[in-house]
Protein backbone atom coordinates (compact mmCIF):
# COMPACT_ATOMS: atom_id res chain seq x y z
CA MET A 1 -22.94 86.39 7.23
CA VAL A 2 -18.95 85.60 7.85
CA TYR A 3 -18.45 82.25 9.06
CA LYS A 4 -15.81 82.03 12.08
CA GLY A 5 -15.67 78.38 13.12
CA SER A 6 -13.87 75.63 12.04
CA MET A 7 -15.48 72.68 9.97
CA ARG A 8 -14.65 69.54 9.27
CA VAL A 9 -14.43 68.27 5.59
CA ALA A 10 -14.11 64.95 4.38
CA ILE A 11 -12.83 64.83 0.93
CA GLU A 12 -13.63 61.92 -1.17
CA THR A 13 -11.81 61.51 -4.53
CA LEU A 14 -10.86 58.39 -6.84
CA GLY A 15 -8.82 57.97 -9.92
CA THR A 16 -5.81 58.85 -11.15
CA ARG A 17 -3.31 61.75 -10.06
CA GLY A 18 -5.44 64.35 -12.34
CA ASP A 19 -8.28 63.29 -9.83
CA VAL A 20 -6.53 64.04 -6.73
CA GLN A 21 -4.52 66.47 -7.24
CA PRO A 22 -6.78 69.34 -7.34
CA TYR A 23 -8.32 67.98 -3.77
CA ILE A 24 -4.72 68.07 -1.91
CA ALA A 25 -4.92 71.90 -3.12
CA LEU A 26 -8.50 71.87 -1.50
CA ALA A 27 -7.52 70.40 1.50
CA MET A 28 -4.49 72.64 2.31
CA GLY A 29 -5.88 75.68 1.59
CA LEU A 30 -9.17 74.37 3.83
CA MET A 31 -6.39 73.32 6.67
CA ALA A 32 -4.98 77.37 6.70
CA ARG A 33 -8.11 78.38 7.15
CA GLY A 34 -8.61 77.08 10.35
CA HIS A 35 -10.57 74.11 9.47
CA GLN A 36 -9.78 70.12 9.63
CA VAL A 37 -9.80 68.05 6.75
CA GLN A 38 -9.73 64.51 6.23
CA LEU A 39 -8.50 63.39 2.36
CA ALA A 40 -9.96 59.94 0.96
CA ALA A 41 -8.12 58.82 -1.45
CA PRO A 42 -6.48 55.67 -3.60
CA VAL A 43 -3.64 54.19 -1.52
CA GLN A 44 -1.15 55.28 -4.23
CA PHE A 45 -1.40 59.02 -3.53
CA THR A 46 -0.42 58.87 0.50
CA ASP A 47 3.25 59.64 -0.34
CA MET A 48 2.05 62.88 -2.35
CA ALA A 49 -0.62 63.88 0.86
CA ALA A 50 2.16 62.96 3.39
CA GLU A 51 4.47 65.46 1.11
CA ASN A 52 1.71 68.35 1.66
CA GLY A 53 0.88 67.46 4.99
CA VAL A 54 -2.92 66.43 4.27
CA PRO A 55 -4.58 64.64 6.54
CA PHE A 56 -5.12 61.12 4.70
CA ALA A 57 -7.11 57.80 4.73
CA ASP A 58 -5.85 55.59 1.68
CA LEU A 59 -8.53 54.00 -0.23
CA PRO A 60 -8.11 50.80 -2.36
CA GLY A 61 -5.53 51.02 -5.32
CA GLU A 62 -7.12 48.36 -7.61
CA PHE A 63 -9.31 50.77 -9.63
CA LEU A 64 -5.54 52.48 -10.38
CA ALA A 65 -3.90 49.59 -10.98
CA LEU A 66 -6.21 48.73 -13.38
CA LEU A 67 -5.90 51.16 -15.92
CA ASP A 68 -2.08 49.46 -16.37
CA THR A 69 -3.35 46.23 -16.85
CA ARG A 70 -3.05 44.61 -20.86
CA GLU A 71 -7.14 44.53 -20.75
CA ALA A 72 -6.96 47.96 -19.73
CA ARG A 73 -4.84 49.30 -22.52
CA ALA A 74 -6.54 47.53 -25.01
CA ALA A 75 -9.61 49.27 -23.93
CA ILE A 76 -8.42 52.59 -24.13
CA ALA A 77 -6.71 52.00 -26.97
CA GLY A 78 -10.09 50.99 -28.83
CA GLY A 79 -11.93 53.65 -28.39
CA GLU A 80 -12.56 57.39 -26.94
CA GLY A 81 -15.40 58.86 -24.66
CA PHE A 82 -16.92 56.67 -22.28
CA SER A 83 -16.59 53.01 -23.84
CA ALA A 84 -13.19 52.38 -22.53
CA GLY A 85 -14.75 52.31 -19.16
CA PHE A 86 -17.58 50.17 -20.50
CA LYS A 87 -15.17 47.37 -21.25
CA LEU A 88 -13.40 46.96 -17.91
CA LEU A 89 -17.06 47.03 -15.86
CA LYS A 90 -16.12 43.27 -15.21
CA HIS A 91 -13.24 43.96 -13.89
CA VAL A 92 -14.58 47.07 -11.80
CA ARG A 93 -17.74 45.21 -10.49
CA PRO A 94 -16.48 42.96 -8.20
CA LEU A 95 -14.04 45.61 -6.66
CA MET A 96 -16.89 47.76 -5.84
CA MET A 97 -18.28 46.57 -2.38
CA ARG A 98 -14.77 46.64 -0.72
CA LEU A 99 -14.36 50.46 -1.71
CA LEU A 100 -17.57 51.10 -0.59
CA ASP A 101 -17.33 49.57 2.61
CA GLU A 102 -13.77 51.45 2.79
CA GLU A 103 -14.89 54.79 1.78
CA TRP A 104 -17.39 54.74 4.52
CA ARG A 105 -14.86 53.67 7.48
CA ALA A 106 -12.78 56.99 6.42
CA VAL A 107 -15.70 59.15 6.44
CA SER A 108 -17.96 57.56 9.88
CA SER A 109 -14.65 57.93 11.89
CA PHE A 110 -13.89 61.23 10.55
CA GLN A 111 -17.50 62.55 11.81
CA PRO A 112 -17.37 65.35 9.06
CA ASP A 113 -19.51 68.36 8.70
CA VAL A 114 -19.42 68.71 5.37
CA LEU A 115 -18.75 65.78 2.99
CA VAL A 116 -17.20 66.96 -0.31
CA TYR A 117 -16.76 64.34 -3.18
CA HIS A 118 -15.24 63.57 -6.64
CA PRO A 119 -18.12 62.52 -8.91
CA LYS A 120 -15.99 58.86 -9.16
CA SER A 121 -17.29 58.51 -5.49
CA PHE A 122 -20.74 58.10 -6.16
CA GLY A 123 -21.76 56.70 -2.51
CA SER A 124 -20.98 59.67 -1.20
CA PRO A 125 -24.17 61.12 -1.02
CA ASP A 126 -25.73 57.84 0.56
CA MET A 127 -22.59 58.59 3.05
CA ALA A 128 -23.92 61.67 3.93
CA ALA A 129 -27.55 60.71 4.36
CA ALA A 130 -26.57 58.16 6.59
CA LEU A 131 -24.35 60.65 8.80
CA GLY A 132 -27.35 63.84 8.58
CA VAL A 133 -24.73 66.33 6.92
CA PRO A 134 -24.83 67.89 3.47
CA HIS A 135 -22.72 67.00 0.64
CA VAL A 136 -21.06 68.96 -1.96
CA LEU A 137 -20.61 67.55 -5.43
CA ALA A 138 -17.15 68.99 -6.58
CA SER A 139 -15.46 68.24 -9.85
CA PRO A 140 -12.56 69.17 -12.01
CA VAL A 141 -14.69 68.94 -15.49
CA PRO A 142 -18.55 69.84 -16.21
CA GLY A 143 -21.03 68.04 -17.26
CA PHE A 144 -23.02 66.86 -13.27
CA THR A 145 -25.23 70.08 -14.11
CA PRO A 146 -27.54 70.05 -16.82
CA THR A 147 -26.89 73.45 -19.11
CA GLN A 148 -28.28 73.63 -22.91
CA GLU A 149 -25.19 74.98 -23.36
CA PHE A 150 -23.10 72.40 -24.21
CA PRO A 151 -23.54 68.32 -24.27
CA SER A 152 -21.38 66.00 -21.56
CA PRO A 153 -18.07 66.28 -21.89
CA MET A 154 -18.13 62.55 -21.94
CA LEU A 155 -19.35 62.51 -25.25
CA PRO A 156 -17.92 63.06 -28.87
CA PHE A 157 -20.33 65.83 -29.79
CA VAL A 158 -19.47 69.34 -30.43
CA SER A 159 -23.38 69.77 -30.25
CA LEU A 160 -26.49 67.79 -29.74
CA GLY A 161 -28.43 70.84 -29.81
CA PRO A 162 -31.80 70.70 -27.81
CA PHE A 163 -30.72 67.23 -26.45
CA ASN A 164 -27.71 68.69 -24.79
CA ARG A 165 -29.44 69.08 -21.48
CA MET A 166 -30.68 65.72 -21.43
CA SER A 167 -27.12 64.04 -22.63
CA HIS A 168 -26.04 65.02 -18.60
CA ALA A 169 -27.84 62.66 -17.42
CA LEU A 170 -25.47 60.05 -18.56
CA ALA A 171 -22.86 61.20 -16.41
CA ILE A 172 -25.29 62.36 -13.24
CA LYS A 173 -27.13 59.08 -13.53
CA GLY A 174 -24.74 56.79 -14.77
CA ALA A 175 -22.72 54.80 -12.42
CA ARG A 176 -25.25 54.47 -9.93
CA LEU A 177 -27.52 53.01 -12.59
CA LEU A 178 -24.51 50.83 -13.63
CA PHE A 179 -23.99 49.41 -10.02
CA ALA A 180 -27.07 50.22 -8.54
CA LYS A 181 -27.78 46.59 -7.52
CA GLU A 182 -24.35 46.93 -5.27
CA LEU A 183 -25.70 50.09 -4.13
CA LYS A 184 -28.74 48.54 -3.01
CA GLU A 185 -27.53 46.30 -0.98
CA TRP A 186 -24.52 48.68 0.80
CA ARG A 187 -27.18 50.73 1.82
CA ALA A 188 -28.94 48.12 3.48
CA ASN A 189 -26.47 46.40 5.11
CA THR A 190 -23.49 48.98 5.25
CA LEU A 191 -25.31 52.27 5.91
CA ARG A 192 -27.89 51.09 7.72
CA LEU A 193 -30.54 53.24 5.51
CA SER A 194 -34.29 52.08 4.76
CA ARG A 195 -35.51 51.56 1.01
CA LYS A 196 -37.99 54.69 1.87
CA SER A 197 -34.96 56.36 3.50
CA VAL A 198 -34.82 59.83 0.46
CA ARG A 199 -31.22 61.17 -0.72
CA LYS A 200 -31.22 64.76 -0.62
CA PRO A 201 -29.94 66.56 -3.30
CA ALA A 202 -26.14 68.31 -3.23
CA ALA A 203 -26.09 70.87 -1.02
CA GLY A 204 -24.00 72.92 -3.95
CA THR A 205 -21.46 72.11 -6.96
CA LEU A 206 -18.10 73.66 -7.21
CA TYR A 207 -16.54 72.67 -10.60
CA ALA A 208 -12.97 73.52 -10.26
CA TYR A 209 -11.58 74.76 -13.48
CA SER A 210 -11.66 78.22 -15.57
CA PRO A 211 -14.37 80.09 -16.58
CA ALA A 212 -12.01 82.04 -18.55
CA VAL A 213 -11.45 78.25 -20.49
CA LEU A 214 -14.79 78.02 -20.16
CA PRO A 215 -17.76 80.07 -19.39
CA THR A 216 -20.40 79.39 -16.71
CA PRO A 217 -23.65 78.29 -18.32
CA SER A 218 -26.25 80.89 -17.64
CA ASP A 219 -28.84 78.18 -16.97
CA TRP A 220 -26.96 77.08 -13.96
CA GLY A 221 -28.62 78.53 -10.62
CA PRO A 222 -26.82 80.34 -7.58
CA ASP A 223 -25.38 76.95 -5.37
CA VAL A 224 -23.38 76.52 -8.96
CA LEU A 225 -19.77 77.86 -8.58
CA VAL A 226 -17.15 77.66 -11.26
CA THR A 227 -14.53 78.67 -8.75
CA GLY A 228 -10.90 78.70 -11.09
CA TYR A 229 -8.51 76.01 -11.11
CA TRP A 230 -7.47 74.05 -8.03
CA PHE A 231 -3.86 74.57 -8.59
CA LEU A 232 -1.24 72.64 -6.28
CA ASN A 233 2.24 74.36 -6.46
CA SER A 234 5.96 72.52 -5.68
CA PRO A 235 8.21 75.87 -4.45
CA ASP A 236 10.62 73.70 -3.17
CA TRP A 237 10.92 71.54 -6.64
CA GLN A 238 14.52 71.88 -8.54
CA PRO A 239 16.02 70.43 -12.05
CA ASP A 240 18.92 68.29 -11.59
CA GLU A 241 22.04 69.13 -13.02
CA ALA A 242 21.15 66.83 -16.16
CA LEU A 243 17.86 68.62 -16.77
CA GLU A 244 19.20 71.73 -16.37
CA SER A 245 21.95 71.70 -17.92
CA PHE A 246 19.80 70.52 -21.07
CA LEU A 247 17.53 73.26 -20.68
CA ARG A 248 19.91 76.08 -20.67
CA ALA A 249 21.67 73.96 -23.91
CA GLY A 250 19.32 75.98 -26.17
CA SER A 251 16.19 77.07 -27.41
CA PRO A 252 13.28 76.59 -24.36
CA PRO A 253 11.88 72.77 -25.13
CA VAL A 254 8.74 71.26 -26.83
CA TYR A 255 6.84 69.83 -23.99
CA PHE A 256 5.25 65.89 -24.39
CA GLY A 257 3.41 63.88 -21.35
CA PHE A 258 0.39 61.54 -21.78
CA GLY A 259 -0.22 61.96 -17.99
CA SER A 260 -1.45 58.83 -16.66
CA MET A 261 -2.52 57.40 -19.74
CA PRO A 262 -1.09 53.93 -19.92
CA GLY A 263 1.43 52.71 -22.80
CA ILE A 264 -0.26 51.50 -25.81
CA ALA A 265 2.69 51.73 -27.98
CA PRO A 266 5.05 53.83 -26.35
CA SER A 267 8.31 52.96 -29.06
CA ALA A 268 5.81 54.04 -31.95
CA MET A 269 4.73 57.05 -29.82
CA THR A 270 8.05 57.70 -29.14
CA ASP A 271 9.80 57.41 -32.44
CA MET A 272 7.10 59.83 -34.25
CA ILE A 273 7.89 62.24 -31.52
CA LEU A 274 11.74 62.49 -32.43
CA GLU A 275 11.27 62.50 -35.73
CA ALA A 276 8.95 65.14 -36.03
CA LEU A 277 11.75 66.88 -33.95
CA GLU A 278 13.83 66.77 -36.23
CA MET A 279 11.49 67.66 -39.23
CA THR A 280 11.23 71.39 -37.12
CA GLY A 281 14.60 71.47 -35.52
CA LYS A 282 13.08 71.68 -32.59
CA ARG A 283 13.52 70.46 -29.03
CA GLY A 284 11.77 68.24 -26.88
CA LEU A 285 11.10 67.41 -22.90
CA LEU A 286 9.67 63.56 -22.97
CA THR A 287 7.94 62.68 -19.68
CA GLY A 288 7.09 58.90 -19.19
CA GLY A 289 4.49 59.60 -16.72
CA GLY A 290 1.71 56.29 -16.51
CA GLY A 291 4.29 54.51 -19.91
CA ALA A 292 2.87 55.92 -22.90
CA ILE A 293 6.34 58.03 -23.65
CA GLY A 294 9.23 55.47 -23.59
CA GLU A 295 12.72 56.05 -22.54
CA VAL A 296 15.05 58.05 -24.65
CA HIS A 297 19.05 58.44 -24.68
CA ALA A 298 19.20 62.04 -23.64
CA SER A 299 20.70 64.35 -26.40
CA SER A 300 20.96 68.02 -27.90
CA ARG A 301 17.66 67.12 -29.28
CA ALA A 302 15.42 65.55 -26.25
CA PHE A 303 15.91 64.99 -22.98
CA PHE A 304 13.11 62.33 -20.81
CA LEU A 305 11.99 62.63 -17.56
CA SER A 306 9.76 60.01 -15.75
CA SER A 307 7.63 63.11 -14.01
CA ALA A 308 8.19 66.13 -12.97
CA PRO A 309 5.96 69.71 -11.30
CA HIS A 310 3.87 71.28 -13.60
CA ASP A 311 3.98 74.31 -12.56
CA ARG A 312 7.78 74.20 -12.48
CA LEU A 313 9.14 72.59 -15.65
CA LEU A 314 6.09 74.01 -17.79
CA PRO A 315 7.04 77.61 -17.96
CA ARG A 316 10.54 76.69 -19.03
CA ALA A 317 8.73 75.01 -22.01
CA SER A 318 7.78 76.78 -25.93
CA SER A 319 5.21 75.15 -26.24
CA ALA A 320 3.00 71.72 -25.20
CA ILE A 321 1.80 68.28 -26.42
CA HIS A 322 -0.27 66.29 -24.29
CA HIS A 323 -3.26 64.22 -23.84
CA GLY A 324 -5.74 66.77 -22.43
CA GLY A 325 -6.86 65.83 -19.00
CA ALA A 326 -8.48 68.54 -17.20
CA GLY A 327 -5.00 69.21 -14.74
CA THR A 328 -2.47 68.92 -17.70
CA THR A 329 -4.69 71.42 -19.62
CA ALA A 330 -4.86 73.99 -17.40
CA ALA A 331 -0.89 73.66 -16.65
CA SER A 332 -0.28 74.16 -19.68
CA LEU A 333 -2.69 76.99 -20.73
CA ARG A 334 -1.36 78.45 -16.84
CA ALA A 335 2.43 78.35 -18.19
CA GLY A 336 0.60 80.66 -21.44
CA LEU A 337 2.00 77.84 -23.62
CA PRO A 338 -0.07 77.11 -27.10
CA THR A 339 -1.41 73.36 -26.59
CA GLN A 340 -1.53 70.57 -28.81
CA ILE A 341 -4.20 67.79 -27.80
CA ILE A 342 -3.84 64.26 -28.64
CA PRO A 343 -6.95 62.83 -26.42
CA PHE A 344 -6.68 59.23 -25.42
CA PHE A 345 -10.72 58.77 -23.78
CA GLY A 346 -13.16 60.11 -21.32
CA ASP A 347 -13.40 64.31 -21.44
CA GLN A 348 -10.07 64.87 -23.00
CA PRO A 349 -11.76 65.16 -26.49
CA PHE A 350 -14.01 67.67 -24.83
CA TRP A 351 -10.80 69.79 -23.80
CA GLY A 352 -8.78 69.30 -26.80
CA ARG A 353 -12.02 71.03 -28.61
CA ARG A 354 -12.10 74.14 -26.02
CA VAL A 355 -8.82 74.87 -26.14
CA ALA A 356 -8.95 74.82 -30.02
CA ALA A 357 -11.87 76.97 -29.99
CA LEU A 358 -10.20 79.40 -27.36
CA GLY A 359 -7.39 79.82 -30.21
CA ALA A 360 -4.73 78.53 -27.83
CA GLY A 361 -4.10 75.39 -30.22
CA PRO A 362 -4.62 73.39 -33.45
CA ALA A 363 -7.62 71.01 -33.36
CA PRO A 364 -7.30 67.79 -31.39
CA LEU A 365 -5.11 64.98 -33.04
CA ALA A 366 -6.57 61.51 -33.43
CA ARG A 367 -4.04 59.08 -31.85
CA LYS A 368 -5.07 56.46 -34.21
CA THR A 369 -3.94 57.62 -36.87
CA LEU A 370 -0.89 59.89 -35.72
CA SER A 371 2.19 60.10 -37.67
CA ALA A 372 5.50 62.14 -37.21
CA ALA A 373 4.48 64.69 -40.30
CA GLY A 374 1.27 65.25 -38.21
CA LEU A 375 3.39 66.08 -35.15
CA ALA A 376 5.72 68.31 -37.00
CA LYS A 377 2.43 70.64 -38.73
CA ALA A 378 1.26 70.71 -35.33
CA LEU A 379 4.86 72.09 -33.58
CA ALA A 380 5.01 74.85 -36.61
CA ALA A 381 1.39 75.84 -36.34
CA MET A 382 2.04 76.44 -32.39
CA ASP A 383 4.79 78.67 -33.24
CA ALA A 384 1.91 81.19 -35.03
CA PRO A 385 1.96 84.66 -33.46
CA GLN A 386 -1.78 84.66 -32.66
CA MET A 387 -1.86 81.83 -30.86
CA ARG A 388 0.61 82.35 -29.07
CA ALA A 389 -0.83 85.67 -28.11
CA ARG A 390 -4.25 83.83 -27.44
CA ALA A 391 -1.77 81.36 -24.93
CA ALA A 392 -0.62 84.25 -23.32
CA GLU A 393 -3.99 86.11 -22.52
CA LEU A 394 -5.59 83.00 -21.10
CA SER A 395 -2.36 82.75 -18.46
CA THR A 396 -2.88 86.21 -17.45
CA ALA A 397 -6.31 85.40 -16.49
CA LEU A 398 -5.90 82.48 -15.32
CA ALA A 399 -3.26 84.22 -12.88
CA ARG A 400 -5.85 86.59 -11.17
CA GLU A 401 -8.02 83.64 -9.88
CA ARG A 402 -8.27 82.47 -7.24
CA GLY A 403 -9.78 78.92 -7.06
CA VAL A 404 -9.22 77.73 -3.99
CA GLU A 405 -10.27 80.69 -2.04
CA ALA A 406 -13.33 81.01 -3.95
CA ALA A 407 -14.52 77.16 -3.46
CA ILE A 408 -13.67 77.75 0.85
CA GLU A 409 -15.60 80.78 1.17
CA PHE A 410 -18.59 78.56 -0.96
CA LEU A 411 -18.27 76.06 1.53
CA GLU A 412 -18.21 78.88 4.65
CA ARG A 413 -21.31 80.12 3.23
CA LEU A 414 -22.69 76.67 3.05
CA SER A 415 -22.15 76.16 6.37
CA VAL A 416 -24.13 79.55 7.77
CA ALA A 417 -26.60 79.11 5.26
CA PRO A 418 -30.10 77.76 7.33
CA ARG A 419 -30.93 74.14 6.11
């Protein structure tokens, strides 16, 4: 059945830029198809939403600001996977009730037909229940649908064998268990849901990554769709005169960037990068982002910029070294770049292993033991013709996908299906 109406779609997301940018792309696609949209995300992304014409409801920004505190940097420096998050729980818990209330304010005032939500917005299923509308989980990372084919991306294991399926319970139920007391109070006092009211399961699940990067597990049902990436393009961006001059002055540079990751030891990281470039005779583009790389004086060898859209900058690079966030990994593979991942935490080690397994980059490098010699070795490895050919093949595969369109068609089918 073909959908001919107009949906009201509330999109809830929390986190860093990589947790917000794909949902802006989805919102723009929905609006272009004639649907009404409201995106709720941290207040820090107000301008990004406005620049792309997306109706926006701002949520408290304290969670995002927490990443840049001394304690958060120490927690991230001390562990990978989900351990950093546990160390910050005492700071997160006091903020939770205000965040839940603000999310409810935004959603209830919009009165959506369907609620699409990032896994970090774990109150969304309860809000959907209070409104009597379906909810759809949408994630740039797998791990919220049990499978036997790989363990939860939040765990530092290549495989747990027969326990792979069980490991996904951590991601699926973890946040709701950690904040069970707060959720119980909020459900009763704010949403007016009785204790006996049962949350319905998600009406569907969308995964905003490419099946060419991670094939869809055979044990997932038709209510789960791996759509392909949701890319947000920046066609109007142009490099300034200084950057354009650097790009034209020599061979394509290596891209270095660690996204929103905080500055743990930015001077040491920068010195290692510059030394590795000198050792290999390569040129580098160093992006500051969240502060993990420090500013350097421009030279024929290196150029520093605070940020730039990946879709415009990466095609002019020769290879990429980054933290392995889902969005940055998607961008470097889309650009056909051999990719070296240096994970900080969360799902980043998972994407590092995937890139290496695909032959599009070396094995992930451990940040704690990183050295200029190790970086130089990675730079040399990414020049291998076979690795460059594999990265180019993946770029071609990603270019054929239409992730946003596939997600919208899924939501439209859901709206006409009997409930």
